[in-house]
């Protein structure tokens, strides 16, 4: 019964005006699950299609990562990201994402089976970041999505622009997310994108063993809400993560997310991260991310 509720709920959402936001902004990585929107400030590297492009310029190493997320049986997603510094010209990123809401049998009014209902989305993201005066980061990200529905497909794109100031262990950031044309581009009926304005600050203590951030998100179509993130490294190769974010309309979603990351430092930085958040009667979301830096 739970599987039916999740898939039916997700398919219903996929056919609303905000379908494009639900897909290219849905979490696919461990830190997205833990921090929510707070990953734009707290995360050091791109998180699937959700990334702060102004922080890219501060990354001086190549990174590859892959993530998978499981909600319930056939409801799952994933992403892959690559980061490439281009010397003094800045840093570029490339991301792919996918979400599947599974398959559910469809029935006519008299109870006869009429086939199956499916919904999947594939996403593509490009980002660029540049550091100026050793402290100011500027960035631009482009995202596109193709949403496959039973009777049609929708596609569209949006952009993010951001500014980050980083001095020592203190970071501040401003970001405007989901700027773009009405969605979907290929249909006569289109809807404005729900642009989000973000502002936040973060700090690290004890040589980076403890870090946290506070961010506020203001949406054009709904009210605002805060995102709080905390990360503690009790051991050199172990990080514990906790995030707090209560989105008003997501009543089933727990405000708390939890995660753990194990990394090995050396000539190469290998990491495995796990994230968990409860959605009440709609089940639990779990994500696993593996990355390498070189």
C-alpha atoms as a PDB file:
ATOM      1  CA  UNK A   1       0.000   0.000   0.000  1.00  0.00           C
ATOM      2  CA  UNK A   2       2.854   2.380   0.846  1.00  0.00           C
ATOM      3  CA  UNK A   3       4.397   1.790  -2.588  1.00  0.00           C
ATOM      4  CA  UNK A   4       1.094   2.656  -4.266  1.00  0.00           C
ATOM      5  CA  UNK A   5       0.727   5.858  -2.230  1.00  0.00           C
ATOM      6  CA  UNK A   6       4.257   7.049  -3.026  1.00  0.00           C
ATOM      7  CA  UNK A   7       4.035   6.385  -6.754  1.00  0.00           C
ATOM      8  CA  UNK A   8       0.547   7.862  -7.075  1.00  0.00           C
ATOM      9  CA  UNK A   9       1.621  10.957  -5.111  1.00  0.00           C
ATOM     10  CA  UNK A  10       4.768  11.406  -7.189  1.00  0.00           C
ATOM     11  CA  UNK A  11       2.956  10.990 -10.517  1.00  0.00           C
ATOM     12  CA  UNK A  12       0.364  13.531  -9.432  1.00  0.00           C
ATOM     13  CA  UNK A  13       3.126  16.008  -8.589  1.00  0.00           C
ATOM     14  CA  UNK A  14       4.815  15.333 -11.918  1.00  0.00           C
ATOM     15  CA  UNK A  15       1.753  16.687 -13.705  1.00  0.00           C
ATOM     16  CA  UNK A  16       1.514  19.960 -11.769  1.00  0.00           C
ATOM     17  CA  UNK A  17       2.889  23.364 -12.721  1.00  0.00           C
ATOM     18  CA  UNK A  18       5.999  22.754 -10.619  1.00  0.00           C
ATOM     19  CA  UNK A  19       6.977  19.425 -12.213  1.00  0.00           C
ATOM     20  CA  UNK A  20      10.209  20.845 -13.608  1.00  0.00           C
ATOM     21  CA  UNK A  21      11.293  22.040 -10.192  1.00  0.00           C
ATOM     22  CA  UNK A  22      10.484  18.737  -8.563  1.00  0.00           C
ATOM     23  CA  UNK A  23      12.858  16.926 -10.870  1.00  0.00           C
ATOM     24  CA  UNK A  24      15.984  18.987 -11.385  1.00  0.00           C
ATOM     25  CA  UNK A  25      15.822  20.059  -7.744  1.00  0.00           C
ATOM     26  CA  UNK A  26      15.030  16.638  -6.292  1.00  0.00           C
ATOM     27  CA  UNK A  27      17.864  15.229  -4.159  1.00  0.00           C
ATOM     28  CA  UNK A  28      20.129  12.548  -5.572  1.00  0.00           C
ATOM     29  CA  UNK A  29      23.185  12.774  -3.284  1.00  0.00           C
ATOM     30  CA  UNK A  30      23.784  12.050   0.393  1.00  0.00           C
ATOM     31  CA  UNK A  31      24.409  15.704   1.313  1.00  0.00           C
ATOM     32  CA  UNK A  32      21.264  16.851  -0.511  1.00  0.00           C
ATOM     33  CA  UNK A  33      19.252  14.430   1.617  1.00  0.00           C
ATOM     34  CA  UNK A  34      20.913  15.621   4.833  1.00  0.00           C
ATOM     35  CA  UNK A  35      21.191  19.385   4.258  1.00  0.00           C
ATOM     36  CA  UNK A  36      18.359  20.065   1.791  1.00  0.00           C
ATOM     37  CA  UNK A  37      18.807  23.525   0.270  1.00  0.00           C
ATOM     38  CA  UNK A  38      21.598  24.042   2.794  1.00  0.00           C
ATOM     39  CA  UNK A  39      23.900  22.008   0.543  1.00  0.00           C
ATOM     40  CA  UNK A  40      24.314  25.106  -1.657  1.00  0.00           C
ATOM     41  CA  UNK A  41      26.364  26.694   1.126  1.00  0.00           C
ATOM     42  CA  UNK A  42      27.566  23.813   3.288  1.00  0.00           C
ATOM     43  CA  UNK A  43      28.745  21.399   0.583  1.00  0.00           C
ATOM     44  CA  UNK A  44      32.270  21.858  -0.711  1.00  0.00           C
ATOM     45  CA  UNK A  45      31.605  20.211  -4.081  1.00  0.00           C
ATOM     46  CA  UNK A  46      28.680  20.070  -6.553  1.00  0.00           C
ATOM     47  CA  UNK A  47      25.745  17.917  -5.490  1.00  0.00           C
ATOM     48  CA  UNK A  48      24.232  16.543  -8.670  1.00  0.00           C
ATOM     49  CA  UNK A  49      22.159  19.250 -10.360  1.00  0.00           C
ATOM     50  CA  UNK A  50      22.067  21.266  -7.117  1.00  0.00           C
ATOM     51  CA  UNK A  51      25.265  23.280  -6.876  1.00  0.00           C
ATOM     52  CA  UNK A  52      26.448  26.736  -5.925  1.00  0.00           C
ATOM     53  CA  UNK A  53      28.382  27.774  -9.046  1.00  0.00           C
ATOM     54  CA  UNK A  54      30.207  30.598  -7.263  1.00  0.00           C
ATOM     55  CA  UNK A  55      31.980  28.043  -5.055  1.00  0.00           C
ATOM     56  CA  UNK A  56      33.384  26.164  -8.058  1.00  0.00           C
ATOM     57  CA  UNK A  57      36.297  28.564  -8.513  1.00  0.00           C
ATOM     58  CA  UNK A  58      37.632  27.695  -5.059  1.00  0.00           C
ATOM     59  CA  UNK A  59      38.003  24.017  -6.047  1.00  0.00           C
ATOM     60  CA  UNK A  60      41.571  23.395  -7.231  1.00  0.00           C
ATOM     61  CA  UNK A  61      41.361  19.648  -7.879  1.00  0.00           C
ATOM     62  CA  UNK A  62      39.559  17.393 -10.330  1.00  0.00           C
ATOM     63  CA  UNK A  63      36.589  15.525  -8.908  1.00  0.00           C
ATOM     64  CA  UNK A  64      34.389  12.677 -10.074  1.00  0.00           C
ATOM     65  CA  UNK A  65      31.358  11.526  -8.102  1.00  0.00           C
ATOM     66  CA  UNK A  66      28.368   9.237  -8.528  1.00  0.00           C
ATOM     67  CA  UNK A  67      25.265   8.989  -6.361  1.00  0.00           C
ATOM     68  CA  UNK A  68      22.168   6.876  -6.040  1.00  0.00           C
ATOM     69  CA  UNK A  69      19.025   7.463  -4.001  1.00  0.00           C
ATOM     70  CA  UNK A  70      16.304   5.015  -3.007  1.00  0.00           C
ATOM     71  CA  UNK A  71      12.861   6.015  -1.841  1.00  0.00           C
ATOM     72  CA  UNK A  72      10.684   2.947  -2.187  1.00  0.00           C
ATOM     73  CA  UNK A  73      11.202  -0.022  -4.543  1.00  0.00           C
ATOM     74  CA  UNK A  74      10.762   1.408  -8.061  1.00  0.00           C
ATOM     75  CA  UNK A  75      11.047   5.025  -6.908  1.00  0.00           C
ATOM     76  CA  UNK A  76      14.707   5.962  -7.233  1.00  0.00           C
ATOM     77  CA  UNK A  77      17.145   8.483  -8.705  1.00  0.00           C
ATOM     78  CA  UNK A  78      20.807   9.088  -9.362  1.00  0.00           C
ATOM     79  CA  UNK A  79      23.380  11.570 -10.591  1.00  0.00           C
ATOM     80  CA  UNK A  80      26.983  11.842 -11.731  1.00  0.00           C
ATOM     81  CA  UNK A  81      29.178  14.943 -11.578  1.00  0.00           C
ATOM     82  CA  UNK A  82      32.619  16.001 -12.768  1.00  0.00           C
ATOM     83  CA  UNK A  83      34.626  19.097 -11.788  1.00  0.00           C
ATOM     84  CA  UNK A  84      37.594  20.345 -13.802  1.00  0.00           C
ATOM     85  CA  UNK A  85      39.747  23.363 -12.829  1.00  0.00           C
ATOM     86  CA  UNK A  86      40.998  25.232 -15.918  1.00  0.00           C
ATOM     87  CA  UNK A  87      43.958  27.007 -14.300  1.00  0.00           C
ATOM     88  CA  UNK A  88      43.450  30.767 -14.120  1.00  0.00           C
ATOM     89  CA  UNK A  89      40.291  30.580 -16.241  1.00  0.00           C
ATOM     90  CA  UNK A  90      38.171  29.177 -13.426  1.00  0.00           C
ATOM     91  CA  UNK A  91      36.481  25.839 -12.826  1.00  0.00           C
ATOM     92  CA  UNK A  92      33.794  24.055 -14.833  1.00  0.00           C
ATOM     93  CA  UNK A  93      31.378  21.321 -13.797  1.00  0.00           C
ATOM     94  CA  UNK A  94      29.207  18.844 -15.662  1.00  0.00           C
ATOM     95  CA  UNK A  95      26.310  16.903 -14.122  1.00  0.00           C
ATOM     96  CA  UNK A  96      23.797  14.294 -15.223  1.00  0.00           C
ATOM     97  CA  UNK A  97      20.710  13.285 -13.263  1.00  0.00           C
ATOM     98  CA  UNK A  98      17.839  10.817 -13.479  1.00  0.00           C
ATOM     99  CA  UNK A  99      14.654  10.167 -11.531  1.00  0.00           C
ATOM    100  CA  UNK A 100      12.153   7.327 -11.936  1.00  0.00           C
ATOM    101  CA  UNK A 101       8.794   7.201 -10.195  1.00  0.00           C
ATOM    102  CA  UNK A 102       8.290   3.548 -11.081  1.00  0.00           C
ATOM    103  CA  UNK A 103       5.420   1.828 -12.836  1.00  0.00           C
ATOM    104  CA  UNK A 104       1.819   1.613 -11.700  1.00  0.00           C
ATOM    105  CA  UNK A 105      -1.040  -0.273 -13.353  1.00  0.00           C
ATOM    106  CA  UNK A 106      -3.750   1.911 -14.879  1.00  0.00           C
ATOM    107  CA  UNK A 107      -7.442   0.966 -14.813  1.00  0.00           C
ATOM    108  CA  UNK A 108     -10.563   2.189 -16.580  1.00  0.00           C
ATOM    109  CA  UNK A 109     -13.693   3.320 -14.730  1.00  0.00           C
ATOM    110  CA  UNK A 110     -15.135  -0.210 -14.899  1.00  0.00           C
ATOM    111  CA  UNK A 111     -11.965  -1.735 -13.464  1.00  0.00           C
ATOM    112  CA  UNK A 112     -10.353  -3.085 -16.634  1.00  0.00           C
ATOM    113  CA  UNK A 113      -6.561  -2.761 -16.932  1.00  0.00           C
ATOM    114  CA  UNK A 114      -5.540  -0.234 -19.592  1.00  0.00           C
ATOM    115  CA  UNK A 115      -1.763  -0.459 -19.324  1.00  0.00           C
ATOM    116  CA  UNK A 116       0.824   1.129 -17.093  1.00  0.00           C
ATOM    117  CA  UNK A 117       1.599   4.655 -15.980  1.00  0.00           C
ATOM    118  CA  UNK A 118       5.252   5.680 -15.902  1.00  0.00           C
ATOM    119  CA  UNK A 119       7.138   8.884 -15.219  1.00  0.00           C
ATOM    120  CA  UNK A 120      10.875   9.508 -15.548  1.00  0.00           C
ATOM    121  CA  UNK A 121      13.066  12.564 -15.930  1.00  0.00           C
ATOM    122  CA  UNK A 122      16.586  13.039 -17.258  1.00  0.00           C
ATOM    123  CA  UNK A 123      18.548  16.150 -16.318  1.00  0.00           C
ATOM    124  CA  UNK A 124      21.678  17.912 -17.524  1.00  0.00           C
ATOM    125  CA  UNK A 125      23.677  20.615 -15.745  1.00  0.00           C
ATOM    126  CA  UNK A 126      26.653  22.833 -16.613  1.00  0.00           C
ATOM    127  CA  UNK A 127      28.417  25.166 -14.198  1.00  0.00           C
ATOM    128  CA  UNK A 128      31.232  27.709 -14.273  1.00  0.00           C
ATOM    129  CA  UNK A 129      32.925  29.509 -11.396  1.00  0.00           C
ATOM    130  CA  UNK A 130      35.698  32.101 -11.216  1.00  0.00           C
ATOM    131  CA  UNK A 131      37.560  33.558  -8.216  1.00  0.00           C
ATOM    132  CA  UNK A 132      38.481  37.251  -8.224  1.00  0.00           C
ATOM    133  CA  UNK A 133      40.820  39.036  -5.792  1.00  0.00           C
ATOM    134  CA  UNK A 134      41.414  35.709  -3.998  1.00  0.00           C
ATOM    135  CA  UNK A 135      38.173  36.037  -2.031  1.00  0.00           C
ATOM    136  CA  UNK A 136      35.212  36.680  -4.342  1.00  0.00           C
ATOM    137  CA  UNK A 137      33.631  33.832  -6.253  1.00  0.00           C
ATOM    138  CA  UNK A 138      31.280  34.412  -9.198  1.00  0.00           C
ATOM    139  CA  UNK A 139      29.322  31.626 -10.841  1.00  0.00           C
ATOM    140  CA  UNK A 140      26.680  30.645 -13.370  1.00  0.00           C
ATOM    141  CA  UNK A 141      24.897  27.307 -13.751  1.00  0.00           C
ATOM    142  CA  UNK A 142      22.542  26.078 -16.477  1.00  0.00           C
ATOM    143  CA  UNK A 143      20.109  23.183 -15.984  1.00  0.00           C
ATOM    144  CA  UNK A 144      17.786  21.403 -18.375  1.00  0.00           C
ATOM    145  CA  UNK A 145      15.258  18.629 -17.907  1.00  0.00           C
ATOM    146  CA  UNK A 146      13.137  16.319 -20.011  1.00  0.00           C
ATOM    147  CA  UNK A 147      10.149  14.886 -18.161  1.00  0.00           C
ATOM    148  CA  UNK A 148       8.477  11.836 -19.712  1.00  0.00           C
ATOM    149  CA  UNK A 149       4.789  11.451 -18.849  1.00  0.00           C
ATOM    150  CA  UNK A 150       2.241   8.865 -20.051  1.00  0.00           C
ATOM    151  CA  UNK A 151       0.735  11.081 -22.751  1.00  0.00           C
ATOM    152  CA  UNK A 152       3.488  13.601 -23.467  1.00  0.00           C
ATOM    153  CA  UNK A 153       6.945  14.873 -22.570  1.00  0.00           C
ATOM    154  CA  UNK A 154       7.911  18.250 -21.170  1.00  0.00           C
ATOM    155  CA  UNK A 155      11.264  19.958 -21.375  1.00  0.00           C
ATOM    156  CA  UNK A 156      12.700  23.220 -20.156  1.00  0.00           C
ATOM    157  CA  UNK A 157      15.725  24.913 -18.686  1.00  0.00           C
ATOM    158  CA  UNK A 158      16.728  27.342 -15.967  1.00  0.00           C
ATOM    159  CA  UNK A 159      19.821  29.116 -14.667  1.00  0.00           C
ATOM    160  CA  UNK A 160      21.407  29.946 -11.322  1.00  0.00           C
ATOM    161  CA  UNK A 161      23.662  32.911 -10.562  1.00  0.00           C
ATOM    162  CA  UNK A 162      25.649  33.284  -7.353  1.00  0.00           C
ATOM    163  CA  UNK A 163      28.216  35.353  -5.486  1.00  0.00           C
ATOM    164  CA  UNK A 164      30.413  34.012  -2.678  1.00  0.00           C
ATOM    165  CA  UNK A 165      32.868  35.723  -0.348  1.00  0.00           C
ATOM    166  CA  UNK A 166      35.387  33.458   1.336  1.00  0.00           C
ATOM    167  CA  UNK A 167      38.116  34.606   3.675  1.00  0.00           C
ATOM    168  CA  UNK A 168      39.857  32.021   5.816  1.00  0.00           C
ATOM    169  CA  UNK A 169      37.253  29.823   7.468  1.00  0.00           C
ATOM    170  CA  UNK A 170      34.376  32.314   6.982  1.00  0.00           C
ATOM    171  CA  UNK A 171      32.028  32.106   3.982  1.00  0.00           C
ATOM    172  CA  UNK A 172      29.078  34.208   2.846  1.00  0.00           C
ATOM    173  CA  UNK A 173      26.939  33.624  -0.225  1.00  0.00           C
ATOM    174  CA  UNK A 174      24.077  35.152  -2.223  1.00  0.00           C
ATOM    175  CA  UNK A 175      22.303  33.132  -4.889  1.00  0.00           C
ATOM    176  CA  UNK A 176      19.324  33.374  -7.238  1.00  0.00           C
ATOM    177  CA  UNK A 177      18.101  29.943  -8.312  1.00  0.00           C
ATOM    178  CA  UNK A 178      15.792  28.879 -11.138  1.00  0.00           C
ATOM    179  CA  UNK A 179      15.844  31.894 -13.428  1.00  0.00           C
ATOM    180  CA  UNK A 180      14.509  31.069 -16.852  1.00  0.00           C
ATOM    181  CA  UNK A 181      11.609  31.012 -19.304  1.00  0.00           C
ATOM    182  CA  UNK A 182       8.184  29.635 -18.514  1.00  0.00           C
ATOM    183  CA  UNK A 183       7.979  25.852 -18.304  1.00  0.00           C
ATOM    184  CA  UNK A 184       7.538  23.685 -20.319  1.00  0.00           C
ATOM    185  CA  UNK A 185       9.027  25.154 -23.464  1.00  0.00           C
ATOM    186  CA  UNK A 186       7.297  22.747 -25.863  1.00  0.00           C
ATOM    187  CA  UNK A 187       3.655  23.198 -24.747  1.00  0.00           C
ATOM    188  CA  UNK A 188       1.111  25.950 -25.335  1.00  0.00           C
ATOM    189  CA  UNK A 189       0.305  26.103 -21.614  1.00  0.00           C
ATOM    190  CA  UNK A 190       3.376  27.197 -19.664  1.00  0.00           C
ATOM    191  CA  UNK A 191       4.009  28.321 -16.117  1.00  0.00           C
ATOM    192  CA  UNK A 192       6.476  30.764 -14.529  1.00  0.00           C
ATOM    193  CA  UNK A 193       9.381  29.188 -12.710  1.00  0.00           C
ATOM    194  CA  UNK A 194       9.398  29.400  -8.931  1.00  0.00           C
ATOM    195  CA  UNK A 195      12.577  31.469  -8.522  1.00  0.00           C
ATOM    196  CA  UNK A 196      14.356  31.165  -5.159  1.00  0.00           C
ATOM    197  CA  UNK A 197      16.512  33.865  -3.534  1.00  0.00           C
ATOM    198  CA  UNK A 198      19.082  32.578  -1.038  1.00  0.00           C
ATOM    199  CA  UNK A 199      21.403  34.242   1.459  1.00  0.00           C
ATOM    200  CA  UNK A 200      23.593  32.564   4.025  1.00  0.00           C
ATOM    201  CA  UNK A 201      26.811  32.418   5.992  1.00  0.00           C
ATOM    202  CA  UNK A 202      29.021  29.610   7.196  1.00  0.00           C
ATOM    203  CA  UNK A 203      32.066  29.144   9.396  1.00  0.00           C
ATOM    204  CA  UNK A 204      34.555  26.437  10.333  1.00  0.00           C
ATOM    205  CA  UNK A 205      36.312  25.951  13.654  1.00  0.00           C
ATOM    206  CA  UNK A 206      39.081  23.779  15.123  1.00  0.00           C
ATOM    207  CA  UNK A 207      40.982  23.607  11.844  1.00  0.00           C
ATOM    208  CA  UNK A 208      37.842  22.625   9.974  1.00  0.00           C
ATOM    209  CA  UNK A 209      36.827  19.782  12.294  1.00  0.00           C
ATOM    210  CA  UNK A 210      33.562  21.585  13.064  1.00  0.00           C
ATOM    211  CA  UNK A 211      31.678  23.567  10.432  1.00  0.00           C
ATOM    212  CA  UNK A 212      28.177  24.908  10.072  1.00  0.00           C
ATOM    213  CA  UNK A 213      26.019  27.245   8.029  1.00  0.00           C
ATOM    214  CA  UNK A 214      22.758  29.157   8.219  1.00  0.00           C
ATOM    215  CA  UNK A 215      20.844  29.953   5.048  1.00  0.00           C
ATOM    216  CA  UNK A 216      17.463  31.526   4.304  1.00  0.00           C
ATOM    217  CA  UNK A 217      15.468  30.652   1.193  1.00  0.00           C
ATOM    218  CA  UNK A 218      12.784  32.986  -0.195  1.00  0.00           C
ATOM    219  CA  UNK A 219      10.605  31.579  -2.977  1.00  0.00           C
ATOM    220  CA  UNK A 220       8.711  33.748  -5.426  1.00  0.00           C
ATOM    221  CA  UNK A 221       5.530  31.668  -5.193  1.00  0.00           C
ATOM    222  CA  UNK A 222       5.605  30.580  -1.526  1.00  0.00           C
ATOM    223  CA  UNK A 223       6.985  31.755   1.784  1.00  0.00           C
ATOM    224  CA  UNK A 224      10.551  31.490   2.997  1.00  0.00           C
ATOM    225  CA  UNK A 225      12.233  29.007   5.310  1.00  0.00           C
ATOM    226  CA  UNK A 226      15.699  28.517   6.871  1.00  0.00           C
ATOM    227  CA  UNK A 227      18.251  25.764   6.286  1.00  0.00           C
ATOM    228  CA  UNK A 228      20.726  24.930   9.061  1.00  0.00           C
ATOM    229  CA  UNK A 229      23.677  22.587   8.598  1.00  0.00           C
ATOM    230  CA  UNK A 230      26.289  21.151  10.956  1.00  0.00           C
ATOM    231  CA  UNK A 231      29.262  18.907  10.218  1.00  0.00           C
ATOM    232  CA  UNK A 232      31.620  17.392  12.804  1.00  0.00           C
ATOM    233  CA  UNK A 233      34.792  15.373  12.193  1.00  0.00           C
ATOM    234  CA  UNK A 234      35.557  13.411  15.397  1.00  0.00           C
ATOM    235  CA  UNK A 235      38.225  11.476  13.471  1.00  0.00           C
ATOM    236  CA  UNK A 236      40.413  12.537  10.565  1.00  0.00           C
ATOM    237  CA  UNK A 237      38.608  10.170   8.184  1.00  0.00           C
ATOM    238  CA  UNK A 238      35.069  10.395   9.591  1.00  0.00           C
ATOM    239  CA  UNK A 239      32.498  13.190   9.220  1.00  0.00           C
ATOM    240  CA  UNK A 240      29.086  13.287  10.892  1.00  0.00           C
ATOM    241  CA  UNK A 241      26.427  15.502   9.289  1.00  0.00           C
ATOM    242  CA  UNK A 242      23.078  16.857  10.423  1.00  0.00           C
ATOM    243  CA  UNK A 243      20.719  19.254   8.684  1.00  0.00           C
ATOM    244  CA  UNK A 244      17.551  21.059   9.730  1.00  0.00           C
ATOM    245  CA  UNK A 245      15.083  22.331   7.150  1.00  0.00           C
ATOM    246  CA  UNK A 246      11.308  22.552   7.491  1.00  0.00           C
ATOM    247  CA  UNK A 247       9.570  23.301   4.202  1.00  0.00           C
ATOM    248  CA  UNK A 248       5.993  24.432   5.038  1.00  0.00           C
ATOM    249  CA  UNK A 249       4.148  22.443   2.369  1.00  0.00           C
ATOM    250  CA  UNK A 250       6.138  19.201   2.844  1.00  0.00           C
ATOM    251  CA  UNK A 251       4.313  18.152   5.992  1.00  0.00           C
ATOM    252  CA  UNK A 252       5.369  14.477   5.776  1.00  0.00           C
ATOM    253  CA  UNK A 253       9.053  15.324   5.442  1.00  0.00           C
ATOM    254  CA  UNK A 254      11.082  15.263   8.650  1.00  0.00           C
ATOM    255  CA  UNK A 255      12.891  18.571   9.311  1.00  0.00           C
ATOM    256  CA  UNK A 256      16.011  16.610  10.319  1.00  0.00           C
ATOM    257  CA  UNK A 257      18.423  14.827   7.999  1.00  0.00           C
ATOM    258  CA  UNK A 258      21.362  12.695   9.091  1.00  0.00           C
ATOM    259  CA  UNK A 259      24.500  11.537   7.323  1.00  0.00           C
ATOM    260  CA  UNK A 260      27.971  10.098   7.644  1.00  0.00           C
ATOM    261  CA  UNK A 261      31.021  10.326   5.390  1.00  0.00           C
ATOM    262  CA  UNK A 262      34.182   8.226   5.387  1.00  0.00           C
ATOM    263  CA  UNK A 263      37.164   9.538   3.446  1.00  0.00           C
ATOM    264  CA  UNK A 264      40.772   8.558   3.006  1.00  0.00           C
ATOM    265  CA  UNK A 265      43.265  11.334   2.470  1.00  0.00           C
ATOM    266  CA  UNK A 266      46.466  10.767   0.531  1.00  0.00           C
ATOM    267  CA  UNK A 267      47.555  11.129  -3.048  1.00  0.00           C
ATOM    268  CA  UNK A 268      43.885  10.668  -3.854  1.00  0.00           C
ATOM    269  CA  UNK A 269      40.884  11.604  -1.784  1.00  0.00           C
ATOM    270  CA  UNK A 270      38.384   8.745  -1.800  1.00  0.00           C
ATOM    271  CA  UNK A 271      35.061   9.211  -0.035  1.00  0.00           C
ATOM    272  CA  UNK A 272      31.811   7.384   0.630  1.00  0.00           C
ATOM    273  CA  UNK A 273      28.858   9.291   2.106  1.00  0.00           C
ATOM    274  CA  UNK A 274      25.427   8.155   3.302  1.00  0.00           C
ATOM    275  CA  UNK A 275      22.367  10.332   3.916  1.00  0.00           C
ATOM    276  CA  UNK A 276      18.975   9.610   5.481  1.00  0.00           C
ATOM    277  CA  UNK A 277      15.726  11.521   5.956  1.00  0.00           C
ATOM    278  CA  UNK A 278      12.248  10.330   6.889  1.00  0.00           C
ATOM    279  CA  UNK A 279       9.127  11.209   4.911  1.00  0.00           C
ATOM    280  CA  UNK A 280       6.688   9.787   7.474  1.00  0.00           C
ATOM    281  CA  UNK A 281       3.924   7.722   5.869  1.00  0.00           C
ATOM    282  CA  UNK A 282       5.619   8.168   2.484  1.00  0.00           C
ATOM    283  CA  UNK A 283       8.665   6.169   3.593  1.00  0.00           C
ATOM    284  CA  UNK A 284      12.331   7.039   4.045  1.00  0.00           C
ATOM    285  CA  UNK A 285      14.847   8.464   1.589  1.00  0.00           C
ATOM    286  CA  UNK A 286      18.371   7.078   1.626  1.00  0.00           C
ATOM    287  CA  UNK A 287      21.274   8.111  -0.608  1.00  0.00           C
ATOM    288  CA  UNK A 288      24.823   6.891  -1.173  1.00  0.00           C
ATOM    289  CA  UNK A 289      27.551   9.015  -2.791  1.00  0.00           C
ATOM    290  CA  UNK A 290      31.018   7.892  -3.856  1.00  0.00           C
ATOM    291  CA  UNK A 291      33.675  10.347  -5.006  1.00  0.00           C
ATOM    292  CA  UNK A 292      37.317  10.674  -5.901  1.00  0.00           C
ATOM    293  CA  UNK A 293      39.506  13.788  -6.127  1.00  0.00           C
ATOM    294  CA  UNK A 294      42.856  13.873  -7.914  1.00  0.00           C
END
